[in-house]
Amino acid sequence: MPETKQRFKVIIRCQECGEKYILRGRPNEEGGLDTGFKRCVCGNETKFDIDVTEEG
């Protein structure tokens, strides 16, 4: 059975418009998480509140 990386629940809230995104992420080589998230629908790419919790 192939080894799977640990997954995390990532909640991203935009500080500009308040939009909330709930995603799953996996650790990457740089020490961060890969979720595929790029920017908010309002165009914000930098100002976010991010909450990460481990999935069981």
PDB file of N, CA and C in Angstrom:
ATOM      1  N   MET A   1       0.851  -1.182   0.000  1.00  0.00           N
ATOM      2  CA  MET A   1       0.000   0.000   0.000  1.00  0.00           C
ATOM      3  C   MET A   1       0.892   1.238   0.000  1.00  0.00           C
ATOM      4  N   PRO A   2       0.645   2.217  -0.898  1.00  0.00           N
ATOM      5  CA  PRO A   2       1.503   3.394  -0.955  1.00  0.00           C
ATOM      6  C   PRO A   2       1.342   4.276   0.283  1.00  0.00           C
ATOM      7  N   GLU A   3       2.449   4.882   0.679  1.00  0.00           N
ATOM      8  CA  GLU A   3       2.437   5.759   1.846  1.00  0.00           C
ATOM      9  C   GLU A   3       1.777   7.081   1.472  1.00  0.00           C
ATOM     10  N   THR A   4       0.831   7.547   2.306  1.00  0.00           N
ATOM     11  CA  THR A   4       0.156   8.816   2.031  1.00  0.00           C
ATOM     12  C   THR A   4       0.642   9.873   3.014  1.00  0.00           C
ATOM     13  N   LYS A   5       0.755  11.088   2.515  1.00  0.00           N
ATOM     14  CA  LYS A   5       1.181  12.187   3.371  1.00  0.00           C
ATOM     15  C   LYS A   5       0.037  12.595   4.286  1.00  0.00           C
ATOM     16  N   GLN A   6       0.402  13.141   5.420  1.00  0.00           N
ATOM     17  CA  GLN A   6      -0.557  13.640   6.380  1.00  0.00           C
ATOM     18  C   GLN A   6      -1.343  14.802   5.759  1.00  0.00           C
ATOM     19  N   ARG A   7      -2.649  14.869   6.031  1.00  0.00           N
ATOM     20  CA  ARG A   7      -3.479  15.943   5.491  1.00  0.00           C
ATOM     21  C   ARG A   7      -3.907  16.897   6.600  1.00  0.00           C
ATOM     22  N   PHE A   8      -4.141  18.142   6.208  1.00  0.00           N
ATOM     23  CA  PHE A   8      -4.556  19.171   7.141  1.00  0.00           C
ATOM     24  C   PHE A   8      -5.781  19.887   6.608  1.00  0.00           C
ATOM     25  N   LYS A   9      -6.670  20.300   7.509  1.00  0.00           N
ATOM     26  CA  LYS A   9      -7.806  21.141   7.155  1.00  0.00           C
ATOM     27  C   LYS A   9      -7.341  22.585   7.274  1.00  0.00           C
ATOM     28  N   VAL A  10      -7.493  23.361   6.208  1.00  0.00           N
ATOM     29  CA  VAL A  10      -7.016  24.731   6.168  1.00  0.00           C
ATOM     30  C   VAL A  10      -8.209  25.656   5.953  1.00  0.00           C
ATOM     31  N   ILE A  11      -8.430  26.578   6.889  1.00  0.00           N
ATOM     32  CA  ILE A  11      -9.495  27.565   6.760  1.00  0.00           C
ATOM     33  C   ILE A  11      -8.832  28.909   6.481  1.00  0.00           C
ATOM     34  N   ILE A  12      -9.182  29.498   5.353  1.00  0.00           N
ATOM     35  CA  ILE A  12      -8.612  30.774   4.931  1.00  0.00           C
ATOM     36  C   ILE A  12      -9.729  31.808   4.900  1.00  0.00           C
ATOM     37  N   ARG A  13      -9.538  32.926   5.607  1.00  0.00           N
ATOM     38  CA  ARG A  13     -10.507  34.011   5.584  1.00  0.00           C
ATOM     39  C   ARG A  13      -9.820  35.271   5.071  1.00  0.00           C
ATOM     40  N   CYS A  14     -10.422  35.891   4.063  1.00  0.00           N
ATOM     41  CA  CYS A  14      -9.875  37.093   3.450  1.00  0.00           C
ATOM     42  C   CYS A  14     -10.078  38.284   4.392  1.00  0.00           C
ATOM     43  N   GLN A  15      -9.020  39.047   4.641  1.00  0.00           N
ATOM     44  CA  GLN A  15      -9.112  40.238   5.484  1.00  0.00           C
ATOM     45  C   GLN A  15      -9.722  41.416   4.733  1.00  0.00           C
ATOM     46  N   GLU A  16      -9.804  41.338   3.412  1.00  0.00           N
ATOM     47  CA  GLU A  16     -10.362  42.425   2.604  1.00  0.00           C
ATOM     48  C   GLU A  16     -11.886  42.347   2.539  1.00  0.00           C
ATOM     49  N   CYS A  17     -12.439  41.182   2.172  1.00  0.00           N
ATOM     50  CA  CYS A  17     -13.890  41.086   1.958  1.00  0.00           C
ATOM     51  C   CYS A  17     -14.585  40.129   2.929  1.00  0.00           C
ATOM     52  N   GLY A  18     -13.822  39.308   3.675  1.00  0.00           N
ATOM     53  CA  GLY A  18     -14.422  38.392   4.643  1.00  0.00           C
ATOM     54  C   GLY A  18     -14.787  37.027   4.080  1.00  0.00           C
ATOM     55  N   GLU A  19     -14.524  36.789   2.801  1.00  0.00           N
ATOM     56  CA  GLU A  19     -14.821  35.484   2.181  1.00  0.00           C
ATOM     57  C   GLU A  19     -14.051  34.382   2.912  1.00  0.00           C
ATOM     58  N   LYS A  20     -14.676  33.212   3.069  1.00  0.00           N
ATOM     59  CA  LYS A  20     -14.079  32.095   3.810  1.00  0.00           C
ATOM     60  C   LYS A  20     -13.933  30.893   2.889  1.00  0.00           C
ATOM     61  N   TYR A  21     -12.760  30.262   2.942  1.00  0.00           N
ATOM     62  CA  TYR A  21     -12.472  29.073   2.135  1.00  0.00           C
ATOM     63  C   TYR A  21     -12.054  27.950   3.075  1.00  0.00           C
ATOM     64  N   ILE A  22     -12.595  26.761   2.869  1.00  0.00           N
ATOM     65  CA  ILE A  22     -12.211  25.586   3.654  1.00  0.00           C
ATOM     66  C   ILE A  22     -11.603  24.587   2.671  1.00  0.00           C
ATOM     67  N   LEU A  23     -10.313  24.285   2.865  1.00  0.00           N
ATOM     68  CA  LEU A  23      -9.561  23.448   1.937  1.00  0.00           C
ATOM     69  C   LEU A  23      -8.827  22.347   2.689  1.00  0.00           C
ATOM     70  N   ARG A  24      -8.299  21.390   1.937  1.00  0.00           N
ATOM     71  CA  ARG A  24      -7.401  20.378   2.499  1.00  0.00           C
ATOM     72  C   ARG A  24      -6.023  20.632   1.929  1.00  0.00           C
ATOM     73  N   GLY A  25      -5.013  20.480   2.765  1.00  0.00           N
ATOM     74  CA  GLY A  25      -3.648  20.690   2.309  1.00  0.00           C
ATOM     75  C   GLY A  25      -2.734  19.567   2.731  1.00  0.00           C
ATOM     76  N   ARG A  26      -1.645  19.435   2.002  1.00  0.00           N
ATOM     77  CA  ARG A  26      -0.607  18.445   2.323  1.00  0.00           C
ATOM     78  C   ARG A  26       0.719  19.164   2.450  1.00  0.00           C
ATOM     79  N   PRO A  27       1.587  18.693   3.338  1.00  0.00           N
ATOM     80  CA  PRO A  27       2.893  19.336   3.510  1.00  0.00           C
ATOM     81  C   PRO A  27       3.711  19.304   2.218  1.00  0.00           C
ATOM     82  N   ASN A  28       4.471  20.377   1.972  1.00  0.00           N
ATOM     83  CA  ASN A  28       5.360  20.406   0.812  1.00  0.00           C
ATOM     84  C   ASN A  28       6.811  20.431   1.281  1.00  0.00           C
ATOM     85  N   GLU A  29       7.741  20.424   0.338  1.00  0.00           N
ATOM     86  CA  GLU A  29       9.168  20.348   0.662  1.00  0.00           C
ATOM     87  C   GLU A  29       9.688  21.613   1.338  1.00  0.00           C
ATOM     88  N   GLU A  30       9.019  22.756   1.120  1.00  0.00           N
ATOM     89  CA  GLU A  30       9.476  24.025   1.698  1.00  0.00           C
ATOM     90  C   GLU A  30       8.996  24.225   3.137  1.00  0.00           C
ATOM     91  N   GLY A  31       8.225  23.286   3.659  1.00  0.00           N
ATOM     92  CA  GLY A  31       7.731  23.398   5.024  1.00  0.00           C
ATOM     93  C   GLY A  31       6.345  24.010   5.124  1.00  0.00           C
ATOM     94  N   GLY A  32       5.748  24.371   4.003  1.00  0.00           N
ATOM     95  CA  GLY A  32       4.406  24.934   3.984  1.00  0.00           C
ATOM     96  C   GLY A  32       3.376  23.870   3.646  1.00  0.00           C
ATOM     97  N   LEU A  33       2.190  24.326   3.271  1.00  0.00           N
ATOM     98  CA  LEU A  33       1.114  23.416   2.885  1.00  0.00           C
ATOM     99  C   LEU A  33       0.665  23.733   1.467  1.00  0.00           C
ATOM    100  N   ASP A  34       0.443  22.695   0.668  1.00  0.00           N
ATOM    101  CA  ASP A  34      -0.096  22.852  -0.677  1.00  0.00           C
ATOM    102  C   ASP A  34      -1.604  22.656  -0.628  1.00  0.00           C
ATOM    103  N   THR A  35      -2.355  23.711  -0.986  1.00  0.00           N
ATOM    104  CA  THR A  35      -3.811  23.624  -1.040  1.00  0.00           C
ATOM    105  C   THR A  35      -4.346  23.934  -2.429  1.00  0.00           C
ATOM    106  N   GLY A  36      -3.549  24.583  -3.251  1.00  0.00           N
ATOM    107  CA  GLY A  36      -4.005  25.014  -4.559  1.00  0.00           C
ATOM    108  C   GLY A  36      -4.612  26.407  -4.534  1.00  0.00           C
ATOM    109  N   PHE A  37      -4.726  27.017  -3.354  1.00  0.00           N
ATOM    110  CA  PHE A  37      -5.326  28.346  -3.227  1.00  0.00           C
ATOM    111  C   PHE A  37      -4.361  29.405  -3.752  1.00  0.00           C
ATOM    112  N   LYS A  38      -4.850  30.313  -4.586  1.00  0.00           N
ATOM    113  CA  LYS A  38      -4.018  31.377  -5.154  1.00  0.00           C
ATOM    114  C   LYS A  38      -4.445  32.763  -4.680  1.00  0.00           C
ATOM    115  N   ARG A  39      -5.752  33.086  -4.817  1.00  0.00           N
ATOM    116  CA  ARG A  39      -6.243  34.401  -4.401  1.00  0.00           C
ATOM    117  C   ARG A  39      -7.750  34.349  -4.179  1.00  0.00           C
ATOM    118  N   CYS A  40      -8.223  35.347  -3.465  1.00  0.00           N
ATOM    119  CA  CYS A  40      -9.643  35.479  -3.156  1.00  0.00           C
ATOM    120  C   CYS A  40     -10.398  35.966  -4.389  1.00  0.00           C
ATOM    121  N   VAL A  41     -11.714  35.801  -4.388  1.00  0.00           N
ATOM    122  CA  VAL A  41     -12.543  36.282  -5.496  1.00  0.00           C
ATOM    123  C   VAL A  41     -12.492  37.800  -5.622  1.00  0.00           C
ATOM    124  N   CYS A  42     -12.129  38.524  -4.543  1.00  0.00           N
ATOM    125  CA  CYS A  42     -12.035  39.981  -4.595  1.00  0.00           C
ATOM    126  C   CYS A  42     -10.695  40.439  -5.174  1.00  0.00           C
ATOM    127  N   GLY A  43      -9.771  39.507  -5.433  1.00  0.00           N
ATOM    128  CA  GLY A  43      -8.474  39.846  -6.007  1.00  0.00           C
ATOM    129  C   GLY A  43      -7.344  39.899  -4.995  1.00  0.00           C
ATOM    130  N   ASN A  44      -7.642  39.800  -3.711  1.00  0.00           N
ATOM    131  CA  ASN A  44      -6.617  39.831  -2.664  1.00  0.00           C
ATOM    132  C   ASN A  44      -5.726  38.597  -2.776  1.00  0.00           C
ATOM    133  N   GLU A  45      -4.411  38.816  -2.735  1.00  0.00           N
ATOM    134  CA  GLU A  45      -3.453  37.706  -2.802  1.00  0.00           C
ATOM    135  C   GLU A  45      -2.550  37.614  -1.573  1.00  0.00           C
ATOM    136  N   THR A  46      -2.671  38.547  -0.615  1.00  0.00           N
ATOM    137  CA  THR A  46      -1.707  38.563   0.487  1.00  0.00           C
ATOM    138  C   THR A  46      -2.303  38.664   1.889  1.00  0.00           C
ATOM    139  N   LYS A  47      -3.456  39.259   2.084  1.00  0.00           N
ATOM    140  CA  LYS A  47      -3.977  39.528   3.431  1.00  0.00           C
ATOM    141  C   LYS A  47      -5.035  38.494   3.819  1.00  0.00           C
ATOM    142  N   PHE A  48      -4.589  37.447   4.536  1.00  0.00           N
ATOM    143  CA  PHE A  48      -5.486  36.363   4.923  1.00  0.00           C
ATOM    144  C   PHE A  48      -5.258  35.967   6.375  1.00  0.00           C
ATOM    145  N   ASP A  49      -6.320  35.498   7.028  1.00  0.00           N
ATOM    146  CA  ASP A  49      -6.221  34.824   8.314  1.00  0.00           C
ATOM    147  C   ASP A  49      -6.285  33.336   7.978  1.00  0.00           C
ATOM    148  N   ILE A  50      -5.298  32.571   8.431  1.00  0.00           N
ATOM    149  CA  ILE A  50      -5.220  31.148   8.085  1.00  0.00           C
ATOM    150  C   ILE A  50      -5.199  30.315   9.365  1.00  0.00           C
ATOM    151  N   ASP A  51      -6.099  29.328   9.427  1.00  0.00           N
ATOM    152  CA  ASP A  51      -6.178  28.407  10.565  1.00  0.00           C
ATOM    153  C   ASP A  51      -5.966  26.989  10.036  1.00  0.00           C
ATOM    154  N   VAL A  52      -4.993  26.278  10.608  1.00  0.00           N
ATOM    155  CA  VAL A  52      -4.658  24.926  10.149  1.00  0.00           C
ATOM    156  C   VAL A  52      -4.890  23.933  11.288  1.00  0.00           C
ATOM    157  N   THR A  53      -5.625  22.844  10.986  1.00  0.00           N
ATOM    158  CA  THR A  53      -5.813  21.773  11.954  1.00  0.00           C
ATOM    159  C   THR A  53      -5.519  20.432  11.277  1.00  0.00           C
ATOM    160  N   GLU A  54      -4.999  19.511  12.042  1.00  0.00           N
ATOM    161  CA  GLU A  54      -4.649  18.182  11.518  1.00  0.00           C
ATOM    162  C   GLU A  54      -5.903  17.341  11.362  1.00  0.00           C
ATOM    163  N   GLU A  55      -5.986  16.630  10.241  1.00  0.00           N
ATOM    164  CA  GLU A  55      -7.097  15.697  10.031  1.00  0.00           C
ATOM    165  C   GLU A  55      -6.730  14.327  10.568  1.00  0.00           C
ATOM    166  N   GLY A  56      -7.698  13.663  11.117  1.00  0.00           N
ATOM    167  CA  GLY A  56      -7.446  12.367  11.718  1.00  0.00           C
ATOM    168  C   GLY A  56      -7.565  11.233  10.838  1.00  0.00           C
TER     169      GLY A  56
END
